[in-house]
Amino acid sequence: MGGARGVTHSLCGRLLLWSAMHGLVRSAPARPEAPSGAGQFWHITDLHLDPTYHLTMNHTQVCASSKGVNASSPGLFGDFMCDSPYKLILSALKFMKDSGQQASFMIWTGDSPPHVPAKELSTKMVIDIIGNMTSTIRRFFPELQVFPALGNHDYWPQDQLPASVSEVYSAAAGFWKPWLTDEAISTLGKGGFYTQTVQPSASGPPLRIISLNTVLYYAPNNVTLNVTDPANQLEWLEEVLEMAFQNKEKVYVIGHVPVGYLPFVRYVAAIREYYNERLIEIFRRYSSVIAGQFFGHTHRDSIMILLDKKGKPVNSLFVAPAVTPVKSHWQVDSNNPGVRLYQYDPLSYSVLDLWQFYLNLTEANLKNVSDWRLEYVMTKAYGIEDLKPESLHGMVKKLSAPHSKWFTKYYNNYFVSYDGNKFCEKHCRVTQLCAIQYLDRPSYIDCISNEDTSPNEKKVRNHLLENRKDSLFTPYATA
């Protein structure tokens, strides 16, 4: 990859492709029936633009994000070994714009730069890419309110987001000023987080958005190692939620790295366990205020349910799949690109449904046309009434049944229809189901041990229970 000027020039050059792109995108919006009177909002995440993506006979040189590995089958809209070409991101946003869906706002949960070695990026290049993605979104949606969150790649070096003022925070605050209030801009510039209310309809109550900088709690972030409350965000979060409680507001929490445990590997929390336990305790305490939580980061499509200490479902959490289709050379599976539309109750802000849209990347490259389509409507796919915590809890009971067809469907959707023949054996299935239902350490460990009684699993559990300190130093390797 070239220097900062080269990346900026490359991005600007791709912006000039705008008019040419119209002939390459066939947006055929699916129009499922929305719940009567429901509001809607879009969710996009993990764009991961790779400005170096280009078609060449040398498949090791298609994109910097493949890190020298052969691209598998590169085409106009990308490759599963590469991060997003600009054309892929344009096609996603154009589909959303042309879908005819009336959205009140959009959430954008982070990660704009590509997965490349630190030496191939710089602070300026990261800022340029965040700026270009911001201007691209605004070009498609000039009037739409957007609430962004910062991801672990939205910094240089990646993951090292600080607990104080930084050049990246200041730049993001500048880019996002058209969307955010002065108060939100102030806290964003100091610690990468903010809160703001939105009034989706004239007749309904306001909704409070809390955009957390969960990268402060991410295990690879060495800057916040051994810091009890980086940027005082936890204290701030409790104050904002208490204020919302006193004012009878409803809240959506958004962020990049989710809370809870990763669904593809056992005993690994998405963030350091100390912070995970703190956040789960706060979210339980204010579960009557929080109407939904929305994250990205894993590139996969999954849900979680926050249970209170008595096992009652009290919060619905959603992890949206990425726009980028990239996978590492050691990974067998990837995801097709996806974007998402939620439906919500305009009075209570309970989440009623979600429509997941996707692009079959292989097909799009073969036809040189991006045909975004509906993958599933969640209530119809799983036979549930809405996406409130009680309904999702009932859905998980269906997923947990032996030989569950519902779980087979869920696991296919987890990869955004990448491979319909994927099968999840018992170890995989237990890992997925425990991650969905148990977000704190004790209940998660109990779930694994109760569902998997193998001698090796008992050894792992006993070791974890003997070392049950909520360490700030826990060096978990996360995806």
Protein backbone atom coordinates (compact mmCIF):
# COMPACT_ATOMS: atom_id res chain seq x y z
CA MET A 1 0.00 0.00 0.00
CA GLY A 2 1.29 3.49 -0.80
CA GLY A 3 1.50 6.53 1.42
CA ALA A 4 -1.38 8.59 2.84
CA ARG A 5 -1.56 10.76 -0.26
CA GLY A 6 -1.82 7.68 -2.46
CA VAL A 7 -4.71 6.24 -0.43
CA THR A 8 -6.55 9.56 -0.41
CA HIS A 9 -6.06 9.91 -4.16
CA SER A 10 -7.25 6.34 -4.67
CA LEU A 11 -10.39 6.98 -2.61
CA CYS A 12 -11.15 10.23 -4.41
CA GLY A 13 -10.67 8.45 -7.72
CA ARG A 14 -13.22 5.86 -6.69
CA LEU A 15 -15.68 8.58 -5.78
CA LEU A 16 -15.50 9.63 -9.44
CA LEU A 17 -16.81 6.18 -10.36
CA TRP A 18 -20.13 7.21 -8.88
CA SER A 19 -22.02 7.72 -12.12
CA ALA A 20 -20.52 4.61 -13.68
CA MET A 21 -21.68 2.54 -10.72
CA HIS A 22 -25.36 3.09 -11.48
CA GLY A 23 -25.21 0.60 -14.33
CA LEU A 24 -23.56 -2.05 -12.17
CA VAL A 25 -26.06 -2.15 -9.33
CA ARG A 26 -29.46 -3.71 -9.64
CA SER A 27 -31.34 -2.80 -6.50
CA ALA A 28 -34.43 -4.96 -6.39
CA PRO A 29 -35.86 -4.00 -3.02
CA ALA A 30 -37.82 -6.66 -1.24
CA ARG A 31 -40.86 -5.20 0.47
CA PRO A 32 -41.96 -7.41 3.34
CA GLU A 33 -44.82 -6.10 5.37
CA ALA A 34 -43.70 -3.97 8.32
CA PRO A 35 -45.66 -4.12 11.59
CA SER A 36 -48.46 -1.57 11.48
CA GLY A 37 -47.33 1.85 12.71
CA ALA A 38 -43.77 0.70 13.38
CA GLY A 39 -40.73 2.92 13.03
CA GLN A 40 -37.60 1.75 11.23
CA PHE A 41 -33.84 2.30 11.35
CA TRP A 42 -30.87 0.98 9.39
CA HIS A 43 -27.79 -0.72 10.84
CA ILE A 44 -24.49 -0.96 8.94
CA THR A 45 -21.19 -2.14 10.38
CA ASP A 46 -17.64 -3.20 9.54
CA LEU A 47 -17.34 -1.57 6.12
CA HIS A 48 -13.54 -2.15 6.12
CA LEU A 49 -12.74 -0.31 2.89
CA ASP A 50 -9.60 -1.60 1.13
CA PRO A 51 -8.56 1.19 -1.27
CA THR A 52 -5.94 -1.08 -2.87
CA TYR A 53 -8.49 -3.59 -4.22
CA HIS A 54 -8.15 -4.05 -7.98
CA LEU A 55 -8.48 -6.87 -10.50
CA THR A 56 -5.21 -8.34 -11.71
CA MET A 57 -3.98 -11.68 -13.03
CA ASN A 58 -1.69 -11.94 -9.99
CA HIS A 59 -4.13 -12.98 -7.28
CA THR A 60 -1.60 -12.30 -4.52
CA GLN A 61 -1.73 -8.61 -5.46
CA VAL A 62 -5.50 -8.07 -5.64
CA CYS A 63 -5.71 -6.42 -2.22
CA ALA A 64 -3.44 -5.51 0.67
CA SER A 65 -5.92 -7.08 3.11
CA SER A 66 -5.21 -10.60 1.80
CA LYS A 67 -1.64 -10.11 3.10
CA GLY A 68 -0.11 -11.83 0.08
CA VAL A 69 -2.49 -14.80 0.08
CA ASN A 70 -4.17 -15.65 -3.22
CA ALA A 71 -7.57 -14.05 -3.68
CA SER A 72 -10.05 -16.91 -4.16
CA SER A 73 -12.25 -15.60 -7.00
CA PRO A 74 -11.96 -11.81 -7.26
CA GLY A 75 -14.60 -9.82 -9.09
CA LEU A 76 -16.07 -6.33 -9.33
CA PHE A 77 -17.61 -6.50 -5.86
CA GLY A 78 -14.79 -8.14 -3.96
CA ASP A 79 -13.37 -11.43 -2.82
CA PHE A 80 -13.66 -13.50 0.36
CA MET A 81 -9.93 -13.04 1.02
CA CYS A 82 -10.20 -9.24 0.76
CA ASP A 83 -11.83 -6.35 2.55
CA SER A 84 -14.47 -4.28 0.75
CA PRO A 85 -13.73 -2.62 -2.56
CA TYR A 86 -15.35 0.78 -2.83
CA LYS A 87 -17.86 -0.59 -5.36
CA LEU A 88 -19.20 -3.03 -2.77
CA ILE A 89 -19.81 -0.26 -0.24
CA LEU A 90 -21.44 1.91 -2.91
CA SER A 91 -23.72 -0.95 -3.91
CA ALA A 92 -24.81 -1.52 -0.29
CA LEU A 93 -25.66 2.13 0.30
CA LYS A 94 -27.38 2.47 -3.06
CA PHE A 95 -29.53 -0.56 -2.30
CA MET A 96 -30.52 0.95 1.04
CA LYS A 97 -31.33 4.30 -0.56
CA ASP A 98 -33.37 2.75 -3.38
CA SER A 99 -35.18 0.25 -1.15
CA GLY A 100 -38.08 2.62 -0.55
CA GLN A 101 -37.92 1.99 3.19
CA GLN A 102 -38.63 4.99 5.40
CA ALA A 103 -36.03 5.02 8.18
CA SER A 104 -35.99 7.43 11.12
CA PHE A 105 -32.21 7.12 11.57
CA MET A 106 -29.19 4.89 11.00
CA ILE A 107 -26.65 3.35 13.36
CA TRP A 108 -23.13 2.72 12.05
CA THR A 109 -21.11 0.61 14.46
CA GLY A 110 -17.56 1.14 13.33
CA ASP A 111 -14.50 -0.25 11.54
CA SER A 112 -13.85 1.63 8.30
CA PRO A 113 -10.14 0.88 7.57
CA PRO A 114 -8.90 -2.47 6.21
CA HIS A 115 -7.27 -5.42 7.98
CA VAL A 116 -3.66 -4.72 7.04
CA PRO A 117 -0.38 -4.65 8.99
CA ALA A 118 0.23 -1.49 11.02
CA LYS A 119 3.19 -0.48 8.81
CA GLU A 120 0.82 -0.13 5.84
CA LEU A 121 -1.39 2.43 7.60
CA SER A 122 -0.92 5.66 9.57
CA THR A 123 -3.05 7.99 11.67
CA LYS A 124 -3.63 10.21 8.63
CA MET A 125 -4.67 7.29 6.44
CA VAL A 126 -7.12 6.02 9.07
CA ILE A 127 -8.60 9.51 9.42
CA ASP A 128 -8.85 9.86 5.64
CA ILE A 129 -10.75 6.58 5.34
CA ILE A 130 -13.17 7.44 8.20
CA GLY A 131 -13.73 10.80 6.54
CA ASN A 132 -14.38 9.25 3.14
CA MET A 133 -16.83 6.72 4.54
CA THR A 134 -18.63 9.51 6.39
CA SER A 135 -18.93 11.66 3.26
CA THR A 136 -20.08 8.65 1.22
CA ILE A 137 -22.87 7.87 3.70
CA ARG A 138 -23.90 11.54 3.76
CA ARG A 139 -23.97 11.62 -0.05
CA PHE A 140 -26.54 8.80 -0.12
CA PHE A 141 -28.47 9.97 2.95
CA PRO A 142 -28.05 13.77 3.19
CA GLU A 143 -31.09 14.22 5.45
CA LEU A 144 -30.88 11.08 7.59
CA GLN A 145 -29.73 11.21 11.22
CA VAL A 146 -26.76 8.84 11.66
CA PHE A 147 -25.34 7.64 14.99
CA PRO A 148 -21.81 6.23 14.59
CA ALA A 149 -19.61 4.27 17.00
CA LEU A 150 -15.85 3.77 16.80
CA GLY A 151 -14.37 0.33 16.10
CA ASN A 152 -11.01 -1.20 16.95
CA HIS A 153 -9.71 -0.59 13.40
CA ASP A 154 -10.71 3.09 13.54
CA TYR A 155 -7.34 3.95 15.02
CA TRP A 156 -3.64 3.64 14.37
CA PRO A 157 -2.14 1.41 15.55
CA GLN A 158 -5.34 -0.66 15.52
CA ASP A 159 -7.00 -1.53 18.84
CA GLN A 160 -5.07 1.09 20.82
CA LEU A 161 -7.88 3.60 21.36
CA PRO A 162 -6.86 5.84 24.27
CA ALA A 163 -8.75 7.05 27.32
CA SER A 164 -8.05 10.71 26.54
CA VAL A 165 -8.05 13.25 23.74
CA SER A 166 -6.57 11.99 20.48
CA GLU A 167 -6.17 13.07 16.87
CA VAL A 168 -8.59 10.38 15.68
CA TYR A 169 -11.27 11.32 18.23
CA SER A 170 -10.97 14.98 17.22
CA ALA A 171 -11.18 14.13 13.52
CA ALA A 172 -14.23 11.88 14.02
CA ALA A 173 -15.90 14.65 16.04
CA GLY A 174 -15.32 17.00 13.12
CA PHE A 175 -16.63 14.56 10.51
CA TRP A 176 -19.73 13.69 12.53
CA LYS A 177 -20.62 17.25 13.59
CA PRO A 178 -23.55 17.42 11.12
CA TRP A 179 -25.14 14.48 12.96
CA LEU A 180 -24.35 15.20 16.60
CA THR A 181 -25.02 17.88 19.22
CA ASP A 182 -22.28 20.01 20.76
CA GLU A 183 -22.47 17.97 23.98
CA ALA A 184 -22.08 14.70 22.08
CA ILE A 185 -19.18 16.13 20.07
CA SER A 186 -17.48 17.17 23.32
CA THR A 187 -17.44 13.70 24.93
CA LEU A 188 -16.65 12.05 21.58
CA GLY A 189 -13.54 14.21 21.27
CA LYS A 190 -12.40 13.33 24.79
CA GLY A 191 -13.05 9.59 24.95
CA GLY A 192 -14.75 8.32 21.79
CA PHE A 193 -18.26 7.99 23.27
CA TYR A 194 -21.40 10.14 23.50
CA THR A 195 -25.13 10.27 24.14
CA GLN A 196 -27.87 12.08 22.25
CA THR A 197 -31.63 12.00 21.94
CA VAL A 198 -33.54 11.61 18.70
CA GLN A 199 -37.21 12.36 18.04
CA PRO A 200 -38.23 9.78 15.41
CA SER A 201 -41.83 11.00 15.24
CA ALA A 202 -43.72 14.11 16.24
CA SER A 203 -46.19 12.13 18.35
CA GLY A 204 -43.82 9.70 20.07
CA PRO A 205 -41.43 10.27 22.97
CA PRO A 206 -37.72 10.94 22.37
CA LEU A 207 -35.26 8.05 22.25
CA ARG A 208 -31.80 8.29 23.83
CA ILE A 209 -28.84 6.78 21.98
CA ILE A 210 -25.77 5.85 24.00
CA SER A 211 -22.75 5.21 21.77
CA LEU A 212 -20.13 3.38 23.81
CA ASN A 213 -16.43 3.13 23.05
CA THR A 214 -16.19 -0.57 23.89
CA VAL A 215 -12.72 -0.74 22.33
CA LEU A 216 -11.49 0.77 25.61
CA TYR A 217 -12.32 -2.66 27.08
CA TYR A 218 -10.95 -4.78 24.23
CA ALA A 219 -8.26 -7.27 25.28
CA PRO A 220 -5.66 -6.25 22.63
CA ASN A 221 -5.88 -2.60 23.78
CA ASN A 222 -2.66 -2.22 25.78
CA VAL A 223 -3.32 1.46 26.48
CA THR A 224 -6.13 0.66 28.93
CA LEU A 225 -4.48 -2.34 30.59
CA ASN A 226 -4.86 -2.14 34.39
CA VAL A 227 -7.13 0.93 34.20
CA THR A 228 -10.24 0.50 36.34
CA ASP A 229 -12.49 2.87 34.37
CA PRO A 230 -10.87 4.13 31.13
CA ALA A 231 -11.99 7.68 30.33
CA ASN A 232 -14.48 7.32 33.24
CA GLN A 233 -16.88 5.86 30.68
CA LEU A 234 -18.48 3.41 33.13
CA GLU A 235 -19.19 6.19 35.63
CA TRP A 236 -20.55 8.34 32.80
CA LEU A 237 -22.71 5.46 31.54
CA GLU A 238 -24.31 4.97 34.95
CA GLU A 239 -25.02 8.70 35.23
CA VAL A 240 -26.64 8.82 31.78
CA LEU A 241 -28.77 5.75 32.45
CA GLU A 242 -29.85 7.12 35.83
CA MET A 243 -30.82 10.38 34.15
CA ALA A 244 -32.78 8.44 31.52
CA PHE A 245 -34.51 6.49 34.29
CA GLN A 246 -35.47 9.67 36.14
CA ASN A 247 -36.72 11.27 32.91
CA LYS A 248 -38.64 8.12 31.89
CA GLU A 249 -36.63 7.85 28.65
CA LYS A 250 -35.93 4.71 26.64
CA VAL A 251 -32.38 3.97 25.50
CA TYR A 252 -30.64 2.16 22.66
CA VAL A 253 -27.04 1.21 23.46
CA ILE A 254 -24.75 0.94 20.43
CA GLY A 255 -21.09 -0.02 20.21
CA HIS A 256 -18.56 -1.93 18.14
CA VAL A 257 -17.22 -4.79 20.27
CA PRO A 258 -20.15 -6.54 21.98
CA VAL A 259 -20.47 -7.67 25.55
CA GLY A 260 -20.79 -11.36 26.41
CA TYR A 261 -18.91 -14.38 25.09
CA LEU A 262 -17.87 -15.10 21.53
CA PRO A 263 -20.09 -17.70 19.84
CA PHE A 264 -17.30 -19.38 17.87
CA VAL A 265 -14.75 -20.16 20.60
CA ARG A 266 -15.24 -21.20 24.22
CA TYR A 267 -14.47 -19.19 27.35
CA VAL A 268 -13.44 -16.06 25.45
CA ALA A 269 -15.28 -12.86 26.27
CA ALA A 270 -15.44 -10.27 23.51
CA ILE A 271 -13.98 -7.71 25.94
CA ARG A 272 -11.85 -8.13 29.08
CA GLU A 273 -13.89 -10.03 31.65
CA TYR A 274 -13.53 -7.36 34.34
CA TYR A 275 -15.28 -4.82 32.12
CA ASN A 276 -17.77 -7.37 30.85
CA GLU A 277 -18.91 -8.12 34.40
CA ARG A 278 -19.19 -4.39 35.16
CA LEU A 279 -21.24 -3.71 32.05
CA ILE A 280 -23.54 -6.69 32.58
CA GLU A 281 -24.21 -5.50 36.14
CA ILE A 282 -25.05 -2.00 34.88
CA PHE A 283 -27.23 -3.28 32.05
CA ARG A 284 -29.16 -5.52 34.42
CA ARG A 285 -29.74 -2.66 36.84
CA TYR A 286 -31.10 -0.42 34.08
CA SER A 287 -32.78 -3.09 31.95
CA SER A 288 -36.14 -1.32 32.29
CA VAL A 289 -34.62 1.72 30.58
CA ILE A 290 -32.63 -0.04 27.83
CA ALA A 291 -34.90 -1.07 24.94
CA GLY A 292 -32.18 -2.65 22.78
CA GLN A 293 -28.44 -3.10 22.28
CA PHE A 294 -26.69 -3.19 18.90
CA PHE A 295 -23.11 -4.16 18.02
CA GLY A 296 -20.82 -5.32 15.19
CA HIS A 297 -17.18 -6.50 15.20
CA THR A 298 -17.55 -10.28 14.78
CA HIS A 299 -18.63 -9.96 11.11
CA ARG A 300 -21.32 -12.57 11.83
CA ASP A 301 -25.06 -12.47 12.50
CA SER A 302 -26.00 -13.39 16.07
CA ILE A 303 -28.24 -12.51 18.99
CA MET A 304 -27.84 -12.47 22.76
CA ILE A 305 -30.34 -12.29 25.58
CA LEU A 306 -29.50 -10.63 28.87
CA LEU A 307 -30.99 -12.57 31.78
CA ASP A 308 -31.34 -11.14 35.26
CA LYS A 309 -29.90 -13.05 38.22
CA LYS A 310 -33.11 -15.07 38.50
CA GLY A 311 -32.95 -16.15 34.85
CA LYS A 312 -35.64 -13.79 33.56
CA PRO A 313 -34.96 -12.33 30.08
CA VAL A 314 -34.62 -8.55 30.42
CA ASN A 315 -32.75 -7.26 27.33
CA SER A 316 -32.38 -8.09 23.63
CA LEU A 317 -28.92 -7.70 22.04
CA PHE A 318 -28.16 -7.89 18.32
CA VAL A 319 -24.81 -8.35 16.56
CA ALA A 320 -25.11 -7.38 12.89
CA PRO A 321 -23.02 -8.98 10.14
CA ALA A 322 -20.35 -7.04 8.25
CA VAL A 323 -20.40 -5.43 4.85
CA THR A 324 -16.86 -6.73 4.29
CA PRO A 325 -16.68 -10.39 3.20
CA VAL A 326 -13.06 -10.86 4.31
CA LYS A 327 -11.77 -13.95 6.08
CA SER A 328 -8.30 -14.96 7.21
CA HIS A 329 -6.42 -17.61 5.26
CA TRP A 330 -6.86 -20.07 8.14
CA GLN A 331 -10.64 -19.65 8.31
CA VAL A 332 -12.85 -22.10 6.45
CA ASP A 333 -15.93 -19.88 6.40
CA SER A 334 -16.72 -16.26 5.80
CA ASN A 335 -19.87 -14.17 5.43
CA ASN A 336 -21.67 -12.63 2.52
CA PRO A 337 -22.00 -8.83 2.81
CA GLY A 338 -25.03 -7.73 4.81
CA VAL A 339 -27.05 -4.66 5.85
CA ARG A 340 -29.98 -4.60 8.24
CA LEU A 341 -33.28 -2.77 8.83
CA TYR A 342 -34.99 -2.88 12.26
CA GLN A 343 -38.63 -2.20 13.09
CA TYR A 344 -39.51 -0.74 16.49
CA ASP A 345 -42.53 0.32 18.54
CA PRO A 346 -42.64 4.16 18.31
CA LEU A 347 -43.90 4.48 21.90
CA SER A 348 -41.89 1.89 23.87
CA TYR A 349 -38.99 1.50 21.39
CA SER A 350 -39.16 -2.26 21.83
CA VAL A 351 -37.61 -3.99 18.82
CA LEU A 352 -40.42 -5.64 16.84
CA ASP A 353 -38.59 -7.20 13.91
CA LEU A 354 -35.53 -7.06 11.69
CA TRP A 355 -35.06 -7.57 7.97
CA GLN A 356 -31.64 -8.89 7.05
CA PHE A 357 -30.49 -8.10 3.51
CA TYR A 358 -27.45 -9.60 1.83
CA LEU A 359 -25.44 -9.81 -1.37
CA ASN A 360 -24.52 -13.21 -2.79
CA LEU A 361 -20.96 -12.16 -3.57
CA THR A 362 -20.12 -15.11 -5.82
CA GLU A 363 -23.22 -14.54 -7.92
CA ALA A 364 -22.69 -10.77 -8.07
CA ASN A 365 -19.15 -11.22 -9.38
CA LEU A 366 -20.25 -13.77 -11.99
CA LYS A 367 -22.98 -11.45 -13.31
CA ASN A 368 -21.13 -8.14 -12.72
CA VAL A 369 -24.34 -6.92 -11.06
CA SER A 370 -24.98 -6.55 -7.33
CA ASP A 371 -28.44 -7.91 -6.63
CA TRP A 372 -29.05 -7.23 -2.92
CA ARG A 373 -31.97 -9.25 -1.60
CA LEU A 374 -33.86 -10.15 1.55
CA GLU A 375 -32.22 -13.01 3.44
CA TYR A 376 -34.83 -13.34 6.17
CA VAL A 377 -37.43 -11.58 8.32
CA MET A 378 -36.62 -12.62 11.86
CA THR A 379 -40.14 -13.11 13.24
CA LYS A 380 -41.12 -15.23 10.23
CA ALA A 381 -37.84 -17.15 10.11
CA TYR A 382 -38.16 -18.32 13.72
CA GLY A 383 -41.92 -18.22 14.29
CA ILE A 384 -41.91 -15.56 17.02
CA GLU A 385 -44.16 -12.57 17.68
CA ASP A 386 -41.51 -9.85 18.07
CA LEU A 387 -37.92 -9.38 19.19
CA LYS A 388 -38.57 -8.49 22.81
CA PRO A 389 -36.47 -10.40 25.37
CA GLU A 390 -39.28 -12.86 26.20
CA SER A 391 -39.80 -13.70 22.53
CA LEU A 392 -36.09 -14.22 21.89
CA HIS A 393 -35.95 -16.43 24.97
CA GLY A 394 -38.72 -18.56 23.45
CA MET A 395 -36.79 -18.66 20.18
CA VAL A 396 -33.70 -20.00 21.96
CA LYS A 397 -35.79 -22.84 23.40
CA LYS A 398 -36.58 -23.79 19.80
CA LEU A 399 -32.91 -23.57 18.86
CA SER A 400 -31.98 -25.77 21.82
CA ALA A 401 -34.28 -28.66 20.94
CA PRO A 402 -32.53 -31.84 19.71
CA HIS A 403 -32.09 -31.90 15.90
CA SER A 404 -33.65 -28.43 15.74
CA LYS A 405 -34.41 -27.19 12.23
CA TRP A 406 -34.52 -23.71 13.77
CA PHE A 407 -30.91 -24.00 14.86
CA THR A 408 -29.86 -25.16 11.38
CA LYS A 409 -31.49 -22.02 9.96
CA TYR A 410 -29.88 -19.84 12.64
CA TYR A 411 -26.43 -21.24 11.90
CA ASN A 412 -26.85 -20.64 8.16
CA ASN A 413 -27.92 -17.05 8.86
CA TYR A 414 -24.93 -16.68 11.20
CA PHE A 415 -22.69 -16.80 8.10
CA VAL A 416 -25.13 -14.71 6.01
CA SER A 417 -25.96 -17.64 3.70
CA TYR A 418 -22.27 -18.19 2.84
CA ASP A 419 -22.65 -21.97 2.69
CA GLY A 420 -26.04 -23.60 3.14
CA ASN A 421 -24.44 -26.99 3.81
CA LYS A 422 -22.71 -25.98 7.04
CA PHE A 423 -23.32 -28.31 9.96
CA CYS A 424 -22.72 -27.43 13.60
CA GLU A 425 -21.71 -30.46 15.69
CA LYS A 426 -22.45 -30.73 19.44
CA HIS A 427 -19.34 -28.82 20.60
CA CYS A 428 -20.11 -26.01 18.16
CA ARG A 429 -23.82 -26.01 19.07
CA VAL A 430 -23.22 -25.79 22.83
CA THR A 431 -20.73 -22.97 22.27
CA GLN A 432 -23.30 -21.02 20.24
CA LEU A 433 -26.25 -21.60 22.58
CA CYS A 434 -24.36 -20.74 25.77
CA ALA A 435 -23.06 -17.51 24.19
CA ILE A 436 -26.60 -16.51 23.24
CA GLN A 437 -28.06 -16.91 26.72
CA TYR A 438 -25.32 -16.38 29.29
CA LEU A 439 -23.39 -13.12 29.19
CA ASP A 440 -21.70 -13.12 32.62
CA ARG A 441 -18.81 -15.40 33.56
CA PRO A 442 -20.40 -17.64 36.25
CA SER A 443 -23.56 -18.46 34.28
CA TYR A 444 -21.61 -18.96 31.04
CA ILE A 445 -19.18 -21.42 32.67
CA ASP A 446 -22.08 -23.27 34.28
CA CYS A 447 -23.86 -23.52 30.92
CA ILE A 448 -20.84 -25.05 29.18
CA SER A 449 -20.23 -27.52 31.99
CA ASN A 450 -23.90 -28.54 32.19
CA GLU A 451 -24.20 -29.06 28.43
CA ASP A 452 -20.79 -30.65 27.85
CA THR A 453 -19.88 -33.27 30.48
CA SER A 454 -16.73 -34.58 28.79
CA PRO A 455 -13.72 -35.12 31.13
CA ASN A 456 -11.64 -32.51 29.30
CA GLU A 457 -14.38 -29.91 29.68
CA LYS A 458 -14.56 -30.61 33.42
CA LYS A 459 -10.82 -29.96 33.70
CA VAL A 460 -11.16 -26.63 31.90
CA ARG A 461 -14.10 -25.61 34.10
CA ASN A 462 -12.29 -26.48 37.33
CA HIS A 463 -9.25 -24.50 36.22
CA LEU A 464 -11.41 -21.47 35.43
CA LEU A 465 -13.25 -21.67 38.74
CA GLU A 466 -9.94 -21.86 40.62
CA ASN A 467 -8.77 -18.72 38.81
CA ARG A 468 -11.96 -16.73 39.05
CA LYS A 469 -10.38 -13.32 39.57
CA ASP A 470 -11.81 -10.59 37.38
CA SER A 471 -8.39 -9.52 36.23
CA LEU A 472 -7.73 -6.33 34.32
CA PHE A 473 -4.73 -8.13 32.86
CA THR A 474 -6.60 -11.06 31.27
CA PRO A 475 -4.78 -11.48 27.92
CA TYR A 476 -7.58 -13.17 26.01
CA ALA A 477 -6.97 -13.37 22.29
CA THR A 478 -10.13 -12.26 20.53
CA ALA A 479 -11.09 -12.27 16.87
